[in-house]
């Protein structure tokens, strides 16, 4: 799916990721790929569900899933969930610029 996405073939990438996730529901990368496609399409609940599945299967999958989970948590008004997710992203990638700036901004605004 990543190569298809890079080539701008987003619908095909999403369909392939869905097929892989259905064939092997224990493959975290497939759930993350479906989450990425849902996030880009604005299907935020589906994206959150897929990212949650991915990090449940592989908590150290990567910082991007945690960054997106933080963003989605904040959109739902879950400030504590956002802080937790962005802190987890920074554990995996201490210099992640989006996680760091989002977390700092939220904490400056009084969120925890």
C-alpha atoms as a PDB file:
ATOM      1  CA  UNK A   1       0.000   0.000   0.000  1.00  0.00           C
ATOM      2  CA  UNK A   2       2.823   2.482   0.706  1.00  0.00           C
ATOM      3  CA  UNK A   3       4.093   2.361  -2.875  1.00  0.00           C
ATOM      4  CA  UNK A   4       0.574   2.841  -4.208  1.00  0.00           C
ATOM      5  CA  UNK A   5       0.020   5.786  -1.887  1.00  0.00           C
ATOM      6  CA  UNK A   6       3.323   7.343  -2.952  1.00  0.00           C
ATOM      7  CA  UNK A   7       2.190   6.986  -6.558  1.00  0.00           C
ATOM      8  CA  UNK A   8      -1.032   8.842  -5.745  1.00  0.00           C
ATOM      9  CA  UNK A   9      -3.187   5.731  -6.095  1.00  0.00           C
ATOM     10  CA  UNK A  10      -4.921   6.218  -2.736  1.00  0.00           C
ATOM     11  CA  UNK A  11      -8.118   4.274  -3.437  1.00  0.00           C
ATOM     12  CA  UNK A  12      -6.173   1.263  -4.646  1.00  0.00           C
ATOM     13  CA  UNK A  13      -3.831   1.479  -1.642  1.00  0.00           C
ATOM     14  CA  UNK A  14      -6.776   1.599   0.745  1.00  0.00           C
ATOM     15  CA  UNK A  15      -8.495  -1.356  -0.918  1.00  0.00           C
ATOM     16  CA  UNK A  16      -5.326  -3.427  -0.747  1.00  0.00           C
ATOM     17  CA  UNK A  17      -4.721  -2.520   2.903  1.00  0.00           C
ATOM     18  CA  UNK A  18      -8.309  -3.483   3.754  1.00  0.00           C
ATOM     19  CA  UNK A  19      -7.899  -6.856   2.030  1.00  0.00           C
ATOM     20  CA  UNK A  20      -4.670  -7.512   3.917  1.00  0.00           C
ATOM     21  CA  UNK A  21      -6.242  -6.479   7.252  1.00  0.00           C
ATOM     22  CA  UNK A  22      -9.216  -8.755   6.623  1.00  0.00           C
ATOM     23  CA  UNK A  23      -6.974 -11.658   5.612  1.00  0.00           C
ATOM     24  CA  UNK A  24      -4.706 -11.216   8.640  1.00  0.00           C
ATOM     25  CA  UNK A  25      -6.375  -9.195  11.418  1.00  0.00           C
ATOM     26  CA  UNK A  26      -3.200  -9.519  13.512  1.00  0.00           C
ATOM     27  CA  UNK A  27      -1.045  -7.502  11.096  1.00  0.00           C
ATOM     28  CA  UNK A  28      -0.666  -4.054  12.675  1.00  0.00           C
ATOM     29  CA  UNK A  29       0.818  -2.424   9.569  1.00  0.00           C
ATOM     30  CA  UNK A  30      -2.337  -3.215   7.591  1.00  0.00           C
ATOM     31  CA  UNK A  31      -4.547  -1.579  10.224  1.00  0.00           C
ATOM     32  CA  UNK A  32      -2.278   1.471  10.258  1.00  0.00           C
ATOM     33  CA  UNK A  33      -2.461   1.703   6.460  1.00  0.00           C
ATOM     34  CA  UNK A  34      -6.272   1.558   6.555  1.00  0.00           C
ATOM     35  CA  UNK A  35      -6.197   4.159   9.335  1.00  0.00           C
ATOM     36  CA  UNK A  36      -3.996   6.424   7.225  1.00  0.00           C
ATOM     37  CA  UNK A  37      -6.407   6.170   4.298  1.00  0.00           C
ATOM     38  CA  UNK A  38      -9.417   6.837   6.528  1.00  0.00           C
ATOM     39  CA  UNK A  39      -7.651   9.822   8.119  1.00  0.00           C
ATOM     40  CA  UNK A  40      -6.881  11.337   4.705  1.00  0.00           C
ATOM     41  CA  UNK A  41     -10.511  10.803   3.648  1.00  0.00           C
ATOM     42  CA  UNK A  42     -11.839  12.501   6.787  1.00  0.00           C
ATOM     43  CA  UNK A  43     -13.324   9.320   8.279  1.00  0.00           C
ATOM     44  CA  UNK A  44     -11.893  10.118  11.681  1.00  0.00           C
ATOM     45  CA  UNK A  45     -13.745   7.535  13.781  1.00  0.00           C
ATOM     46  CA  UNK A  46     -12.631   4.751  11.458  1.00  0.00           C
ATOM     47  CA  UNK A  47      -9.084   6.123  11.493  1.00  0.00           C
ATOM     48  CA  UNK A  48      -9.014   6.176  15.303  1.00  0.00           C
ATOM     49  CA  UNK A  49     -10.353   2.618  15.453  1.00  0.00           C
ATOM     50  CA  UNK A  50      -7.726   1.344  13.009  1.00  0.00           C
ATOM     51  CA  UNK A  51      -4.863   3.148  14.744  1.00  0.00           C
ATOM     52  CA  UNK A  52      -6.037   1.738  18.094  1.00  0.00           C
ATOM     53  CA  UNK A  53      -6.045  -1.766  16.628  1.00  0.00           C
ATOM     54  CA  UNK A  54      -2.574  -1.242  15.204  1.00  0.00           C
ATOM     55  CA  UNK A  55      -1.008  -0.001  18.434  1.00  0.00           C
ATOM     56  CA  UNK A  56      -2.791  -2.664  20.487  1.00  0.00           C
ATOM     57  CA  UNK A  57      -1.103  -5.283  18.317  1.00  0.00           C
ATOM     58  CA  UNK A  58       2.249  -3.479  18.193  1.00  0.00           C
ATOM     59  CA  UNK A  59       2.602  -0.615  20.711  1.00  0.00           C
ATOM     60  CA  UNK A  60       5.987   0.306  19.252  1.00  0.00           C
ATOM     61  CA  UNK A  61       4.722   0.284  15.639  1.00  0.00           C
ATOM     62  CA  UNK A  62       5.838   3.845  15.053  1.00  0.00           C
ATOM     63  CA  UNK A  63       5.391   7.380  16.185  1.00  0.00           C
ATOM     64  CA  UNK A  64       3.040   8.423  13.362  1.00  0.00           C
ATOM     65  CA  UNK A  65       0.162   6.254  14.589  1.00  0.00           C
ATOM     66  CA  UNK A  66       0.529   7.784  18.055  1.00  0.00           C
ATOM     67  CA  UNK A  67       0.714  11.327  16.648  1.00  0.00           C
ATOM     68  CA  UNK A  68      -2.514  10.770  14.743  1.00  0.00           C
ATOM     69  CA  UNK A  69      -4.169   9.184  17.790  1.00  0.00           C
ATOM     70  CA  UNK A  70      -3.236  12.302  19.770  1.00  0.00           C
ATOM     71  CA  UNK A  71      -4.704  14.572  17.130  1.00  0.00           C
ATOM     72  CA  UNK A  72      -7.881  12.516  16.956  1.00  0.00           C
ATOM     73  CA  UNK A  73      -8.191  12.467  20.756  1.00  0.00           C
ATOM     74  CA  UNK A  74      -7.906  16.243  20.870  1.00  0.00           C
ATOM     75  CA  UNK A  75     -10.568  16.597  18.152  1.00  0.00           C
ATOM     76  CA  UNK A  76     -12.888  14.532  20.403  1.00  0.00           C
ATOM     77  CA  UNK A  77     -12.083  16.805  23.348  1.00  0.00           C
ATOM     78  CA  UNK A  78      -9.986  14.163  25.116  1.00  0.00           C
ATOM     79  CA  UNK A  79      -7.042  16.299  26.195  1.00  0.00           C
ATOM     80  CA  UNK A  80      -5.587  13.635  28.495  1.00  0.00           C
ATOM     81  CA  UNK A  81      -5.734  11.096  25.661  1.00  0.00           C
ATOM     82  CA  UNK A  82      -3.959  13.540  23.363  1.00  0.00           C
ATOM     83  CA  UNK A  83      -1.196  14.136  25.909  1.00  0.00           C
ATOM     84  CA  UNK A  84      -0.786  10.400  26.450  1.00  0.00           C
ATOM     85  CA  UNK A  85      -0.593   9.643  22.719  1.00  0.00           C
ATOM     86  CA  UNK A  86       1.869  12.447  21.952  1.00  0.00           C
ATOM     87  CA  UNK A  87       4.046  11.431  24.915  1.00  0.00           C
ATOM     88  CA  UNK A  88       4.075   7.885  23.553  1.00  0.00           C
ATOM     89  CA  UNK A  89       5.076   9.204  20.115  1.00  0.00           C
ATOM     90  CA  UNK A  90       7.945  11.097  21.735  1.00  0.00           C
ATOM     91  CA  UNK A  91       9.053   7.965  23.562  1.00  0.00           C
ATOM     92  CA  UNK A  92       9.421   6.279  20.172  1.00  0.00           C
ATOM     93  CA  UNK A  93      10.816   9.309  18.335  1.00  0.00           C
ATOM     94  CA  UNK A  94      12.074  11.934  20.822  1.00  0.00           C
ATOM     95  CA  UNK A  95      12.603  14.597  18.157  1.00  0.00           C
ATOM     96  CA  UNK A  96       9.244  14.184  16.421  1.00  0.00           C
ATOM     97  CA  UNK A  97       8.430  17.829  15.602  1.00  0.00           C
ATOM     98  CA  UNK A  98       4.643  17.514  15.369  1.00  0.00           C
ATOM     99  CA  UNK A  99       4.272  15.499  18.565  1.00  0.00           C
ATOM    100  CA  UNK A 100       6.568  17.880  20.419  1.00  0.00           C
ATOM    101  CA  UNK A 101       4.916  21.092  19.207  1.00  0.00           C
ATOM    102  CA  UNK A 102       1.377  19.760  19.727  1.00  0.00           C
ATOM    103  CA  UNK A 103       2.186  18.561  23.233  1.00  0.00           C
ATOM    104  CA  UNK A 104       3.920  21.807  24.184  1.00  0.00           C
ATOM    105  CA  UNK A 105       1.052  23.906  22.818  1.00  0.00           C
ATOM    106  CA  UNK A 106      -1.555  21.855  24.665  1.00  0.00           C
ATOM    107  CA  UNK A 107       0.352  21.985  27.934  1.00  0.00           C
ATOM    108  CA  UNK A 108       0.881  25.761  27.579  1.00  0.00           C
ATOM    109  CA  UNK A 109      -2.869  26.089  27.093  1.00  0.00           C
ATOM    110  CA  UNK A 110      -3.433  24.224  30.343  1.00  0.00           C
ATOM    111  CA  UNK A 111      -4.328  20.784  29.006  1.00  0.00           C
ATOM    112  CA  UNK A 112      -3.293  17.600  30.730  1.00  0.00           C
END
